[in-house]
Amino acid sequence: MELAGDTMKNYMDRATVLAEALPYIQEYNGKTVVVKYGGNAMVSETLQDAVISDIILLHLVGIRVIVVHGGGPEIGQMLEKIGKKSRFVNGLRYTDEDTMDIVQQVLCGKVNKSLVSIINRMGAKAIGLCGLDGGLLKAKKLHDQYGLVGEITSVCPKIVNDVLANGYIPVISTVAQGVDADTSYNINADTAASELAVAVGAEKLILLTDVQGVLRDPKDETTLIPQIRTSTIPSLLSEGVISGGMIPKIDCCVAAIRGGVHRTHILDGRIPHSILIEMLSHKGIGTMIFE
């Protein structure tokens, strides 16, 4: 059967994409990737489906995927429902006891189980965990000015490794067990993903964000910096290229690299299938930070 020119080109383009992915699938097979999932990619149903399908595809081709998620908008909505105003200090949610109850209910309950349900419904197997399970995340108070926001003191990844070994995708919410008080702590999801990536010996850490990556000019999306060596970060900081909310994300990437993670990536979660584009194509996307 003879195919029309446009149809044949379409088939050839699809075949090229699949063939291009093969060496990357071979390279990452059996290795661990930690994906921090949050921002608009969680709020938009279309983007959510794209992210989850990416994660499932990586899982099905033999890549060990760990999902660490946030849930800031959902927490804000629940606080609003009970008449409590969200308050932020230096970019971190101030977490008093009432807020901590909401954080735990929303992150460990609604958001976590919703993600697990979506993954299961789309054909893979997921298990929801939080930092309290199996002593996964332990923490102490970061500073009084933040309330019950914690600084991780230890990561015990056994339960995560057990879940992976049994063919499941672990989906982790970032509430930790206090070691300095009988309380739970709210943990920044980027930080938790970074420390977990180190603890499990991950090949990659991927932080999904609501920006393209690191821009030389924040007002010009054509100035994306595709690769950054850790040795150049101090100069980028002094020049103001890395500033504001990007600083803690870069810090998390640097901490992961120094802990043995080979590559870290800041990706735009607003772009459908950004994870697959980064991991399984020559082009890549976002900003890669490496040694």
C-alpha atoms as a PDB file:
ATOM      1  CA  MET A   1       0.000   0.000   0.000  1.00  0.00           C
ATOM      2  CA  GLU A   2       1.378   3.361  -1.046  1.00  0.00           C
ATOM      3  CA  LEU A   3       1.108   6.089   1.571  1.00  0.00           C
ATOM      4  CA  ALA A   4       0.646   9.799   0.930  1.00  0.00           C
ATOM      5  CA  GLY A   5       3.713  11.976   1.455  1.00  0.00           C
ATOM      6  CA  ASP A   6       2.447  13.721   4.607  1.00  0.00           C
ATOM      7  CA  THR A   7       1.334  10.427   6.151  1.00  0.00           C
ATOM      8  CA  MET A   8       4.694   8.780   5.429  1.00  0.00           C
ATOM      9  CA  LYS A   9       6.561  11.759   6.915  1.00  0.00           C
ATOM     10  CA  ASN A  10       4.383  11.551  10.013  1.00  0.00           C
ATOM     11  CA  TYR A  11       5.200   7.857  10.429  1.00  0.00           C
ATOM     12  CA  MET A  12       8.915   8.500   9.863  1.00  0.00           C
ATOM     13  CA  ASP A  13       8.924  11.309  12.438  1.00  0.00           C
ATOM     14  CA  ARG A  14       7.319   9.004  15.001  1.00  0.00           C
ATOM     15  CA  ALA A  15       9.816   6.236  14.229  1.00  0.00           C
ATOM     16  CA  THR A  16      12.705   8.689  14.580  1.00  0.00           C
ATOM     17  CA  VAL A  17      11.477   9.779  18.006  1.00  0.00           C
ATOM     18  CA  LEU A  18      11.207   6.165  19.184  1.00  0.00           C
ATOM     19  CA  ALA A  19      14.637   5.253  17.791  1.00  0.00           C
ATOM     20  CA  GLU A  20      16.167   8.331  19.424  1.00  0.00           C
ATOM     21  CA  ALA A  21      14.798   7.234  22.802  1.00  0.00           C
ATOM     22  CA  LEU A  22      16.379   3.760  22.680  1.00  0.00           C
ATOM     23  CA  PRO A  23      19.936   4.591  23.872  1.00  0.00           C
ATOM     24  CA  TYR A  24      18.532   6.666  26.733  1.00  0.00           C
ATOM     25  CA  ILE A  25      16.214   3.856  27.787  1.00  0.00           C
ATOM     26  CA  GLN A  26      19.201   1.506  27.774  1.00  0.00           C
ATOM     27  CA  GLU A  27      21.313   3.993  29.748  1.00  0.00           C
ATOM     28  CA  TYR A  28      18.740   4.585  32.485  1.00  0.00           C
ATOM     29  CA  ASN A  29      17.301   1.082  32.738  1.00  0.00           C
ATOM     30  CA  GLY A  30      17.461  -0.045  36.369  1.00  0.00           C
ATOM     31  CA  LYS A  31      18.542   3.400  37.589  1.00  0.00           C
ATOM     32  CA  THR A  32      16.617   5.671  39.922  1.00  0.00           C
ATOM     33  CA  VAL A  33      15.114   9.054  39.083  1.00  0.00           C
ATOM     34  CA  VAL A  34      13.487  11.323  41.670  1.00  0.00           C
ATOM     35  CA  VAL A  35      10.825  13.693  40.309  1.00  0.00           C
ATOM     36  CA  LYS A  36       9.621  16.579  42.444  1.00  0.00           C
ATOM     37  CA  TYR A  37       6.112  17.301  41.220  1.00  0.00           C
ATOM     38  CA  GLY A  38       4.308  20.536  41.982  1.00  0.00           C
ATOM     39  CA  GLY A  39       3.144  23.902  40.660  1.00  0.00           C
ATOM     40  CA  ASN A  40       0.845  24.331  37.655  1.00  0.00           C
ATOM     41  CA  ALA A  41       1.610  20.787  36.512  1.00  0.00           C
ATOM     42  CA  MET A  42      -0.469  19.620  39.491  1.00  0.00           C
ATOM     43  CA  VAL A  43      -3.282  22.143  39.091  1.00  0.00           C
ATOM     44  CA  SER A  44      -3.968  21.661  35.360  1.00  0.00           C
ATOM     45  CA  GLU A  45      -5.675  18.343  34.584  1.00  0.00           C
ATOM     46  CA  THR A  46      -4.099  18.233  31.095  1.00  0.00           C
ATOM     47  CA  LEU A  47      -0.597  18.808  32.436  1.00  0.00           C
ATOM     48  CA  GLN A  48      -1.210  16.360  35.273  1.00  0.00           C
ATOM     49  CA  ASP A  49      -2.124  13.627  32.807  1.00  0.00           C
ATOM     50  CA  ALA A  50       1.024  14.388  30.778  1.00  0.00           C
ATOM     51  CA  VAL A  51       3.294  14.219  33.834  1.00  0.00           C
ATOM     52  CA  ILE A  52       1.736  11.003  35.106  1.00  0.00           C
ATOM     53  CA  SER A  53       1.934   9.339  31.682  1.00  0.00           C
ATOM     54  CA  ASP A  54       5.628  10.323  31.479  1.00  0.00           C
ATOM     55  CA  ILE A  55       6.264   8.762  34.885  1.00  0.00           C
ATOM     56  CA  ILE A  56       4.416   5.582  33.934  1.00  0.00           C
ATOM     57  CA  LEU A  57       6.292   5.255  30.641  1.00  0.00           C
ATOM     58  CA  LEU A  58       9.653   5.602  32.417  1.00  0.00           C
ATOM     59  CA  HIS A  59       8.513   3.008  34.950  1.00  0.00           C
ATOM     60  CA  LEU A  60       7.433   0.568  32.236  1.00  0.00           C
ATOM     61  CA  VAL A  61      10.788   0.741  30.426  1.00  0.00           C
ATOM     62  CA  GLY A  62      12.618  -0.225  33.622  1.00  0.00           C
ATOM     63  CA  ILE A  63      13.504   3.119  35.207  1.00  0.00           C
ATOM     64  CA  ARG A  64      12.916   3.321  38.959  1.00  0.00           C
ATOM     65  CA  VAL A  65      10.844   6.484  39.437  1.00  0.00           C
ATOM     66  CA  ILE A  66      10.182   8.114  42.804  1.00  0.00           C
ATOM     67  CA  VAL A  67       7.620  10.923  42.934  1.00  0.00           C
ATOM     68  CA  VAL A  68       7.909  13.581  45.654  1.00  0.00           C
ATOM     69  CA  HIS A  69       5.019  16.026  45.583  1.00  0.00           C
ATOM     70  CA  GLY A  70       3.997  19.367  46.965  1.00  0.00           C
ATOM     71  CA  GLY A  71       0.491  20.729  47.379  1.00  0.00           C
ATOM     72  CA  GLY A  72       0.696  24.416  48.203  1.00  0.00           C
ATOM     73  CA  PRO A  73      -2.438  25.524  46.296  1.00  0.00           C
ATOM     74  CA  GLU A  74      -4.543  22.764  47.859  1.00  0.00           C
ATOM     75  CA  ILE A  75      -3.295  23.674  51.345  1.00  0.00           C
ATOM     76  CA  GLY A  76      -4.109  27.329  50.679  1.00  0.00           C
ATOM     77  CA  GLN A  77      -7.620  26.434  49.520  1.00  0.00           C
ATOM     78  CA  MET A  78      -8.302  24.324  52.596  1.00  0.00           C
ATOM     79  CA  LEU A  79      -7.019  27.040  54.938  1.00  0.00           C
ATOM     80  CA  GLU A  80      -9.298  29.523  53.180  1.00  0.00           C
ATOM     81  CA  LYS A  81     -12.264  27.207  53.718  1.00  0.00           C
ATOM     82  CA  ILE A  82     -11.727  27.228  57.467  1.00  0.00           C
ATOM     83  CA  GLY A  83     -11.184  30.994  57.476  1.00  0.00           C
ATOM     84  CA  LYS A  84      -7.440  30.924  58.095  1.00  0.00           C
ATOM     85  CA  LYS A  85      -5.160  33.160  56.063  1.00  0.00           C
ATOM     86  CA  SER A  86      -1.975  31.742  54.551  1.00  0.00           C
ATOM     87  CA  ARG A  87       1.177  33.461  55.721  1.00  0.00           C
ATOM     88  CA  PHE A  88       4.658  33.168  54.221  1.00  0.00           C
ATOM     89  CA  VAL A  89       8.036  34.015  55.724  1.00  0.00           C
ATOM     90  CA  ASN A  90      10.989  34.179  53.309  1.00  0.00           C
ATOM     91  CA  GLY A  91       9.027  32.082  50.839  1.00  0.00           C
ATOM     92  CA  LEU A  92       8.141  29.349  53.352  1.00  0.00           C
ATOM     93  CA  ARG A  93       4.599  28.787  54.631  1.00  0.00           C
ATOM     94  CA  TYR A  94       4.381  29.761  58.292  1.00  0.00           C
ATOM     95  CA  THR A  95       3.061  26.610  59.932  1.00  0.00           C
ATOM     96  CA  ASP A  96       1.391  26.844  63.322  1.00  0.00           C
ATOM     97  CA  GLU A  97      -0.322  23.807  64.894  1.00  0.00           C
ATOM     98  CA  ASP A  98      -3.638  24.367  63.118  1.00  0.00           C
ATOM     99  CA  THR A  99      -1.893  24.825  59.783  1.00  0.00           C
ATOM    100  CA  MET A 100       0.206  21.717  60.401  1.00  0.00           C
ATOM    101  CA  ASP A 101      -2.986  19.700  60.870  1.00  0.00           C
ATOM    102  CA  ILE A 102      -4.221  20.959  57.487  1.00  0.00           C
ATOM    103  CA  VAL A 103      -0.846  20.332  55.827  1.00  0.00           C
ATOM    104  CA  GLN A 104      -0.840  16.745  57.051  1.00  0.00           C
ATOM    105  CA  GLN A 105      -4.455  16.129  56.035  1.00  0.00           C
ATOM    106  CA  VAL A 106      -4.036  17.634  52.570  1.00  0.00           C
ATOM    107  CA  LEU A 107      -0.562  16.376  51.657  1.00  0.00           C
ATOM    108  CA  CYS A 108      -0.663  12.908  53.209  1.00  0.00           C
ATOM    109  CA  GLY A 109      -4.355  12.436  52.487  1.00  0.00           C
ATOM    110  CA  LYS A 110      -6.126  14.173  49.635  1.00  0.00           C
ATOM    111  CA  VAL A 111      -3.211  15.064  47.342  1.00  0.00           C
ATOM    112  CA  ASN A 112      -1.169  11.919  47.907  1.00  0.00           C
ATOM    113  CA  LYS A 113      -4.039   9.492  47.459  1.00  0.00           C
ATOM    114  CA  SER A 114      -5.340  11.396  44.435  1.00  0.00           C
ATOM    115  CA  LEU A 115      -1.984  10.990  42.682  1.00  0.00           C
ATOM    116  CA  VAL A 116      -1.813   7.315  43.609  1.00  0.00           C
ATOM    117  CA  SER A 117      -5.319   6.826  42.231  1.00  0.00           C
ATOM    118  CA  ILE A 118      -4.461   8.527  38.938  1.00  0.00           C
ATOM    119  CA  ILE A 119      -1.337   6.404  38.453  1.00  0.00           C
ATOM    120  CA  ASN A 120      -3.259   3.220  39.229  1.00  0.00           C
ATOM    121  CA  ARG A 121      -6.088   4.228  36.908  1.00  0.00           C
ATOM    122  CA  MET A 122      -3.625   4.912  34.075  1.00  0.00           C
ATOM    123  CA  GLY A 123      -2.235   1.397  34.233  1.00  0.00           C
ATOM    124  CA  ALA A 124       0.684   1.367  36.659  1.00  0.00           C
ATOM    125  CA  LYS A 125       0.897   0.526  40.362  1.00  0.00           C
ATOM    126  CA  ALA A 126       1.623   3.176  42.971  1.00  0.00           C
ATOM    127  CA  ILE A 127       1.860   3.278  46.747  1.00  0.00           C
ATOM    128  CA  GLY A 128       1.439   6.499  48.700  1.00  0.00           C
ATOM    129  CA  LEU A 129       3.866   7.274  51.507  1.00  0.00           C
ATOM    130  CA  CYS A 130       4.665  10.223  53.717  1.00  0.00           C
ATOM    131  CA  GLY A 131       7.820  11.018  55.623  1.00  0.00           C
ATOM    132  CA  LEU A 132       6.317   9.491  58.773  1.00  0.00           C
ATOM    133  CA  ASP A 133       6.076   6.015  57.226  1.00  0.00           C
ATOM    134  CA  GLY A 134       8.911   3.722  58.237  1.00  0.00           C
ATOM    135  CA  GLY A 135      10.824   6.673  59.685  1.00  0.00           C
ATOM    136  CA  LEU A 136      11.468   7.853  56.131  1.00  0.00           C
ATOM    137  CA  LEU A 137      12.021  11.531  57.004  1.00  0.00           C
ATOM    138  CA  LYS A 138      13.084  12.841  60.402  1.00  0.00           C
ATOM    139  CA  ALA A 139      13.529  16.520  61.143  1.00  0.00           C
ATOM    140  CA  LYS A 140      14.056  19.241  63.708  1.00  0.00           C
ATOM    141  CA  LYS A 141      12.548  22.724  63.782  1.00  0.00           C
ATOM    142  CA  LEU A 142      14.166  24.949  61.169  1.00  0.00           C
ATOM    143  CA  HIS A 143      13.601  28.212  63.056  1.00  0.00           C
ATOM    144  CA  ASP A 144      10.947  29.663  65.347  1.00  0.00           C
ATOM    145  CA  GLN A 145      10.030  32.292  62.737  1.00  0.00           C
ATOM    146  CA  TYR A 146       8.652  29.556  60.453  1.00  0.00           C
ATOM    147  CA  GLY A 147       6.667  27.659  63.090  1.00  0.00           C
ATOM    148  CA  LEU A 148       6.472  23.897  62.454  1.00  0.00           C
ATOM    149  CA  VAL A 149       8.652  23.929  59.348  1.00  0.00           C
ATOM    150  CA  GLY A 150      11.388  21.336  59.633  1.00  0.00           C
ATOM    151  CA  GLU A 151      14.978  20.803  58.622  1.00  0.00           C
ATOM    152  CA  ILE A 152      15.669  17.192  57.668  1.00  0.00           C
ATOM    153  CA  THR A 153      18.101  15.438  60.011  1.00  0.00           C
ATOM    154  CA  SER A 154      17.972  11.945  58.481  1.00  0.00           C
ATOM    155  CA  VAL A 155      16.482   9.938  55.627  1.00  0.00           C
ATOM    156  CA  CYS A 156      15.804   6.212  55.977  1.00  0.00           C
ATOM    157  CA  PRO A 157      14.993   5.049  52.429  1.00  0.00           C
ATOM    158  CA  LYS A 158      14.357   1.360  53.177  1.00  0.00           C
ATOM    159  CA  ILE A 159      10.594   1.599  52.765  1.00  0.00           C
ATOM    160  CA  VAL A 160      11.034   3.411  49.432  1.00  0.00           C
ATOM    161  CA  ASN A 161      13.501   0.802  48.184  1.00  0.00           C
ATOM    162  CA  ASP A 162      11.125  -1.973  49.270  1.00  0.00           C
ATOM    163  CA  VAL A 163       8.281  -0.363  47.314  1.00  0.00           C
ATOM    164  CA  LEU A 164      10.493  -0.019  44.218  1.00  0.00           C
ATOM    165  CA  ALA A 165      11.744  -3.599  44.521  1.00  0.00           C
ATOM    166  CA  ASN A 166       8.147  -4.838  44.441  1.00  0.00           C
ATOM    167  CA  GLY A 167       7.378  -3.037  41.198  1.00  0.00           C
ATOM    168  CA  TYR A 168       5.472  -0.052  42.567  1.00  0.00           C
ATOM    169  CA  ILE A 169       5.951   3.678  42.043  1.00  0.00           C
ATOM    170  CA  PRO A 170       6.388   5.386  45.432  1.00  0.00           C
ATOM    171  CA  VAL A 171       4.498   8.681  45.759  1.00  0.00           C
ATOM    172  CA  ILE A 172       5.788  10.658  48.732  1.00  0.00           C
ATOM    173  CA  SER A 173       4.365  13.619  50.643  1.00  0.00           C
ATOM    174  CA  THR A 174       6.820  15.699  52.625  1.00  0.00           C
ATOM    175  CA  VAL A 175       5.703  15.604  56.247  1.00  0.00           C
ATOM    176  CA  ALA A 176       8.467  14.515  58.635  1.00  0.00           C
ATOM    177  CA  GLN A 177       8.654  13.077  62.140  1.00  0.00           C
ATOM    178  CA  GLY A 178      10.129  15.459  64.711  1.00  0.00           C
ATOM    179  CA  VAL A 179      13.244  14.374  66.596  1.00  0.00           C
ATOM    180  CA  ASP A 180      13.331  17.402  68.890  1.00  0.00           C
ATOM    181  CA  ALA A 181       9.633  17.458  69.805  1.00  0.00           C
ATOM    182  CA  ASP A 182       6.541  15.261  69.699  1.00  0.00           C
ATOM    183  CA  THR A 183       5.251  16.790  66.481  1.00  0.00           C
ATOM    184  CA  SER A 184       5.253  16.486  62.711  1.00  0.00           C
ATOM    185  CA  TYR A 185       7.059  19.026  60.567  1.00  0.00           C
ATOM    186  CA  ASN A 186       6.221  20.582  57.211  1.00  0.00           C
ATOM    187  CA  ILE A 187       9.157  20.045  54.829  1.00  0.00           C
ATOM    188  CA  ASN A 188       9.902  21.950  51.636  1.00  0.00           C
ATOM    189  CA  ALA A 189       9.279  19.469  48.805  1.00  0.00           C
ATOM    190  CA  ASP A 190      12.356  20.510  46.777  1.00  0.00           C
ATOM    191  CA  THR A 191      14.575  19.932  49.804  1.00  0.00           C
ATOM    192  CA  ALA A 192      12.968  16.575  50.583  1.00  0.00           C
ATOM    193  CA  ALA A 193      13.363  15.428  46.968  1.00  0.00           C
ATOM    194  CA  SER A 194      17.039  16.435  46.986  1.00  0.00           C
ATOM    195  CA  GLU A 195      17.848  14.619  50.230  1.00  0.00           C
ATOM    196  CA  LEU A 196      15.883  11.550  49.192  1.00  0.00           C
ATOM    197  CA  ALA A 197      17.707  11.463  45.843  1.00  0.00           C
ATOM    198  CA  VAL A 198      21.009  11.327  47.732  1.00  0.00           C
ATOM    199  CA  ALA A 199      19.765   8.659  50.141  1.00  0.00           C
ATOM    200  CA  VAL A 200      18.614   6.281  47.378  1.00  0.00           C
ATOM    201  CA  GLY A 201      21.651   6.893  45.147  1.00  0.00           C
ATOM    202  CA  ALA A 202      19.573   8.412  42.343  1.00  0.00           C
ATOM    203  CA  GLU A 203      20.972   8.968  38.870  1.00  0.00           C
ATOM    204  CA  LYS A 204      18.857  12.091  38.374  1.00  0.00           C
ATOM    205  CA  LEU A 205      16.859  14.639  40.328  1.00  0.00           C
ATOM    206  CA  ILE A 206      14.182  16.504  38.367  1.00  0.00           C
ATOM    207  CA  LEU A 207      12.477  19.568  39.838  1.00  0.00           C
ATOM    208  CA  LEU A 208       9.320  20.540  37.947  1.00  0.00           C
ATOM    209  CA  THR A 209       8.683  24.289  38.211  1.00  0.00           C
ATOM    210  CA  ASP A 210       6.531  27.027  36.686  1.00  0.00           C
ATOM    211  CA  VAL A 211       9.433  28.588  34.766  1.00  0.00           C
ATOM    212  CA  GLN A 212      11.556  27.419  31.841  1.00  0.00           C
ATOM    213  CA  GLY A 213      14.644  27.017  33.980  1.00  0.00           C
ATOM    214  CA  VAL A 214      17.416  29.479  34.811  1.00  0.00           C
ATOM    215  CA  LEU A 215      17.136  32.561  32.586  1.00  0.00           C
ATOM    216  CA  ARG A 216      20.007  35.010  32.109  1.00  0.00           C
ATOM    217  CA  ASP A 217      17.329  37.676  31.816  1.00  0.00           C
ATOM    218  CA  PRO A 218      14.220  36.721  33.840  1.00  0.00           C
ATOM    219  CA  LYS A 219      12.065  38.847  31.517  1.00  0.00           C
ATOM    220  CA  ASP A 220      13.293  37.126  28.357  1.00  0.00           C
ATOM    221  CA  GLU A 221      12.481  33.424  27.953  1.00  0.00           C
ATOM    222  CA  THR A 222      14.904  33.171  25.012  1.00  0.00           C
ATOM    223  CA  THR A 223      17.820  33.571  27.464  1.00  0.00           C
ATOM    224  CA  LEU A 224      17.482  30.110  29.000  1.00  0.00           C
ATOM    225  CA  ILE A 225      20.777  28.710  30.279  1.00  0.00           C
ATOM    226  CA  PRO A 226      20.629  25.008  29.295  1.00  0.00           C
ATOM    227  CA  GLN A 227      23.603  23.830  31.374  1.00  0.00           C
ATOM    228  CA  ILE A 228      25.249  25.127  34.526  1.00  0.00           C
ATOM    229  CA  ARG A 229      28.348  23.721  36.193  1.00  0.00           C
ATOM    230  CA  THR A 230      28.362  24.002  39.963  1.00  0.00           C
ATOM    231  CA  SER A 231      31.672  25.899  39.774  1.00  0.00           C
ATOM    232  CA  THR A 232      29.960  28.768  37.903  1.00  0.00           C
ATOM    233  CA  ILE A 233      27.062  29.174  40.344  1.00  0.00           C
ATOM    234  CA  PRO A 234      28.795  31.708  42.662  1.00  0.00           C
ATOM    235  CA  SER A 235      29.374  34.097  39.762  1.00  0.00           C
ATOM    236  CA  LEU A 236      25.782  33.688  38.543  1.00  0.00           C
ATOM    237  CA  LEU A 237      24.596  34.505  42.060  1.00  0.00           C
ATOM    238  CA  SER A 238      26.794  37.600  42.313  1.00  0.00           C
ATOM    239  CA  GLU A 239      25.570  38.775  38.893  1.00  0.00           C
ATOM    240  CA  GLY A 240      21.963  38.351  40.018  1.00  0.00           C
ATOM    241  CA  VAL A 241      21.241  35.810  37.280  1.00  0.00           C
ATOM    242  CA  ILE A 242      20.220  33.316  39.965  1.00  0.00           C
ATOM    243  CA  SER A 243      17.953  35.173  42.360  1.00  0.00           C
ATOM    244  CA  GLY A 244      14.720  35.030  44.324  1.00  0.00           C
ATOM    245  CA  GLY A 245      12.901  31.707  44.368  1.00  0.00           C
ATOM    246  CA  MET A 246      15.451  30.116  42.054  1.00  0.00           C
ATOM    247  CA  ILE A 247      18.168  30.264  44.734  1.00  0.00           C
ATOM    248  CA  PRO A 248      16.733  27.517  46.996  1.00  0.00           C
ATOM    249  CA  LYS A 249      16.085  25.301  43.956  1.00  0.00           C
ATOM    250  CA  ILE A 250      19.705  25.684  42.841  1.00  0.00           C
ATOM    251  CA  ASP A 251      20.835  24.985  46.418  1.00  0.00           C
ATOM    252  CA  CYS A 252      18.829  21.733  46.362  1.00  0.00           C
ATOM    253  CA  CYS A 253      20.434  20.720  43.070  1.00  0.00           C
ATOM    254  CA  VAL A 254      23.937  21.481  44.340  1.00  0.00           C
ATOM    255  CA  ALA A 255      23.295  19.525  47.560  1.00  0.00           C
ATOM    256  CA  ALA A 256      22.117  16.535  45.524  1.00  0.00           C
ATOM    257  CA  ILE A 257      25.168  16.634  43.264  1.00  0.00           C
ATOM    258  CA  ARG A 258      27.535  16.878  46.217  1.00  0.00           C
ATOM    259  CA  GLY A 259      25.708  13.891  47.706  1.00  0.00           C
ATOM    260  CA  GLY A 260      26.421  11.757  44.634  1.00  0.00           C
ATOM    261  CA  VAL A 261      23.471  12.403  42.287  1.00  0.00           C
ATOM    262  CA  HIS A 262      24.915  12.578  38.756  1.00  0.00           C
ATOM    263  CA  ARG A 263      22.596  15.087  37.119  1.00  0.00           C
ATOM    264  CA  THR A 264      19.948  17.518  38.339  1.00  0.00           C
ATOM    265  CA  HIS A 265      17.381  19.326  36.204  1.00  0.00           C
ATOM    266  CA  ILE A 266      15.041  22.276  36.632  1.00  0.00           C
ATOM    267  CA  LEU A 267      12.232  21.752  34.111  1.00  0.00           C
ATOM    268  CA  ASP A 268       9.168  23.715  33.078  1.00  0.00           C
ATOM    269  CA  GLY A 269       6.235  21.618  34.237  1.00  0.00           C
ATOM    270  CA  ARG A 270       3.923  23.765  32.110  1.00  0.00           C
ATOM    271  CA  ILE A 271       5.296  22.069  28.985  1.00  0.00           C
ATOM    272  CA  PRO A 272       3.502  18.761  28.332  1.00  0.00           C
ATOM    273  CA  HIS A 273       5.832  15.742  28.498  1.00  0.00           C
ATOM    274  CA  SER A 274       8.824  17.842  29.582  1.00  0.00           C
ATOM    275  CA  ILE A 275      10.161  14.849  31.546  1.00  0.00           C
ATOM    276  CA  LEU A 276      10.273  12.623  28.460  1.00  0.00           C
ATOM    277  CA  ILE A 277      11.771  15.387  26.316  1.00  0.00           C
ATOM    278  CA  GLU A 278      14.563  15.806  28.859  1.00  0.00           C
ATOM    279  CA  MET A 279      15.264  12.168  29.542  1.00  0.00           C
ATOM    280  CA  LEU A 280      14.653  10.398  26.244  1.00  0.00           C
ATOM    281  CA  SER A 281      15.650  12.844  23.515  1.00  0.00           C
ATOM    282  CA  HIS A 282      18.799  14.504  22.183  1.00  0.00           C
ATOM    283  CA  LYS A 283      17.299  17.966  22.588  1.00  0.00           C
ATOM    284  CA  GLY A 284      16.693  18.096  26.309  1.00  0.00           C
ATOM    285  CA  ILE A 285      14.815  20.936  27.966  1.00  0.00           C
ATOM    286  CA  GLY A 286      15.155  23.264  30.941  1.00  0.00           C
ATOM    287  CA  THR A 287      18.403  23.787  32.859  1.00  0.00           C
ATOM    288  CA  MET A 288      20.744  20.953  33.822  1.00  0.00           C
ATOM    289  CA  ILE A 289      23.033  21.503  36.814  1.00  0.00           C
ATOM    290  CA  PHE A 290      26.057  19.232  37.095  1.00  0.00           C
ATOM    291  CA  GLU A 291      29.566  19.024  38.567  1.00  0.00           C
END
